[in-house]
Amino acid sequence: MWDSRYINELKKKRVKASVGDGEDQIAKQHSRDKLTARECIEALFDNSFVEVNNFVTSRVTDFDMDKKERPGDGVITEYGTIHNRIAFASHGDL
């Protein structure tokens, strides 16, 4: 049986990864009438998306980016259905 502590820890990590740079950056993007990359990909699917490797972080080292903890800031990769057809989508640094 899975220990509920590990399940709760995983849920917290998923939420943290989905926020990316933080709520303030999401609000900044929304103030420009733009969606975040994650929101754009989610809007593409028929409410059926599953994010893959959402704990991956970016490999960018410019501007000391490698010294900042930014879970979920790597490539956003998801799969699901679009008009009842299986589809895959990806966005981010490679």
Protein backbone atom coordinates (compact mmCIF):
# COMPACT_ATOMS: atom_id res chain seq x y z
CA MET A 1 0.00 0.00 0.00
CA TRP A 2 1.24 3.50 -0.82
CA ASP A 3 2.08 5.72 2.12
CA SER A 4 -0.18 8.79 2.03
CA ARG A 5 2.79 11.03 2.93
CA TYR A 6 4.44 10.23 -0.40
CA ILE A 7 1.20 10.73 -2.31
CA ASN A 8 0.68 14.14 -0.67
CA GLU A 9 4.30 15.12 -1.37
CA LEU A 10 3.88 14.17 -5.04
CA LYS A 11 0.68 16.22 -5.28
CA LYS A 12 2.48 19.26 -3.82
CA LYS A 13 5.34 18.85 -6.31
CA ARG A 14 2.86 18.66 -9.21
CA VAL A 15 1.14 21.86 -8.10
CA LYS A 16 4.50 23.62 -7.71
CA ALA A 17 5.60 22.44 -11.16
CA SER A 18 2.35 23.62 -12.75
CA VAL A 19 2.89 27.13 -11.39
CA GLY A 20 6.34 27.37 -13.01
CA ASP A 21 7.85 30.79 -12.26
CA GLY A 22 5.12 31.58 -9.74
CA GLU A 23 1.73 33.13 -9.47
CA ASP A 24 3.15 36.62 -10.03
CA GLN A 25 4.54 35.64 -13.43
CA ILE A 26 1.24 34.00 -14.38
CA ALA A 27 -0.60 37.19 -13.38
CA LYS A 28 1.88 39.26 -15.41
CA GLN A 29 1.22 37.10 -18.47
CA HIS A 30 -2.55 37.35 -17.95
CA SER A 31 -2.32 41.16 -17.57
CA ARG A 32 -1.00 41.22 -21.15
CA ASP A 33 -4.07 39.19 -22.24
CA LYS A 34 -1.83 36.18 -22.88
CA LEU A 35 -1.99 32.60 -21.70
CA THR A 36 0.97 30.75 -20.26
CA ALA A 37 2.55 28.03 -22.40
CA ARG A 38 0.92 25.38 -20.20
CA GLU A 39 -2.50 27.04 -20.54
CA CYS A 40 -2.13 27.20 -24.34
CA ILE A 41 -1.37 23.50 -24.57
CA GLU A 42 -4.19 22.62 -22.16
CA ALA A 43 -6.64 24.68 -24.26
CA LEU A 44 -5.66 22.67 -27.32
CA PHE A 45 -6.93 19.39 -25.87
CA ASP A 46 -10.48 18.16 -25.21
CA ASN A 47 -10.07 18.26 -21.39
CA SER A 48 -8.21 14.98 -21.73
CA PHE A 49 -4.56 16.01 -21.51
CA VAL A 50 -1.95 14.23 -19.42
CA GLU A 51 1.31 16.04 -18.75
CA VAL A 52 4.47 13.93 -19.06
CA ASN A 53 7.72 14.60 -17.17
CA ASN A 54 6.34 17.68 -15.45
CA PHE A 55 9.28 17.74 -13.01
CA VAL A 56 11.87 18.35 -15.74
CA THR A 57 13.74 21.62 -15.42
CA SER A 58 15.34 23.80 -18.05
CA ARG A 59 19.01 23.32 -18.96
CA VAL A 60 19.55 27.02 -19.68
CA THR A 61 22.65 28.37 -17.93
CA ASP A 62 22.59 31.98 -19.19
CA PHE A 63 21.97 34.69 -16.60
CA ASP A 64 22.58 32.15 -13.79
CA MET A 65 19.28 30.43 -14.62
CA ASP A 66 20.80 27.11 -13.54
CA LYS A 67 21.08 28.43 -9.98
CA LYS A 68 17.33 29.06 -9.65
CA GLU A 69 14.94 26.31 -8.64
CA ARG A 70 12.16 26.32 -11.20
CA PRO A 71 10.36 22.96 -11.27
CA GLY A 72 8.28 22.37 -14.36
CA ASP A 73 10.24 24.93 -16.36
CA GLY A 74 11.62 22.50 -18.90
CA VAL A 75 9.74 21.21 -21.91
CA ILE A 76 5.99 20.93 -21.43
CA THR A 77 4.91 17.66 -23.03
CA GLU A 78 1.34 16.41 -22.98
CA TYR A 79 -0.88 13.94 -24.70
CA GLY A 80 -4.63 13.61 -24.95
CA THR A 81 -7.34 13.94 -27.53
CA ILE A 82 -8.26 16.69 -29.94
CA HIS A 83 -11.63 16.12 -31.59
CA ASN A 84 -11.53 12.54 -30.28
CA ARG A 85 -8.17 11.79 -31.91
CA ILE A 86 -5.02 11.05 -29.91
CA ALA A 87 -2.52 13.88 -30.09
CA PHE A 88 0.79 14.92 -28.54
CA ALA A 89 2.07 18.44 -27.93
CA SER A 90 5.31 19.90 -26.65
CA HIS A 91 6.58 23.37 -25.89
CA GLY A 92 9.76 24.67 -24.27
CA ASP A 93 13.55 24.60 -24.25
CA LEU A 94 15.27 21.68 -25.93
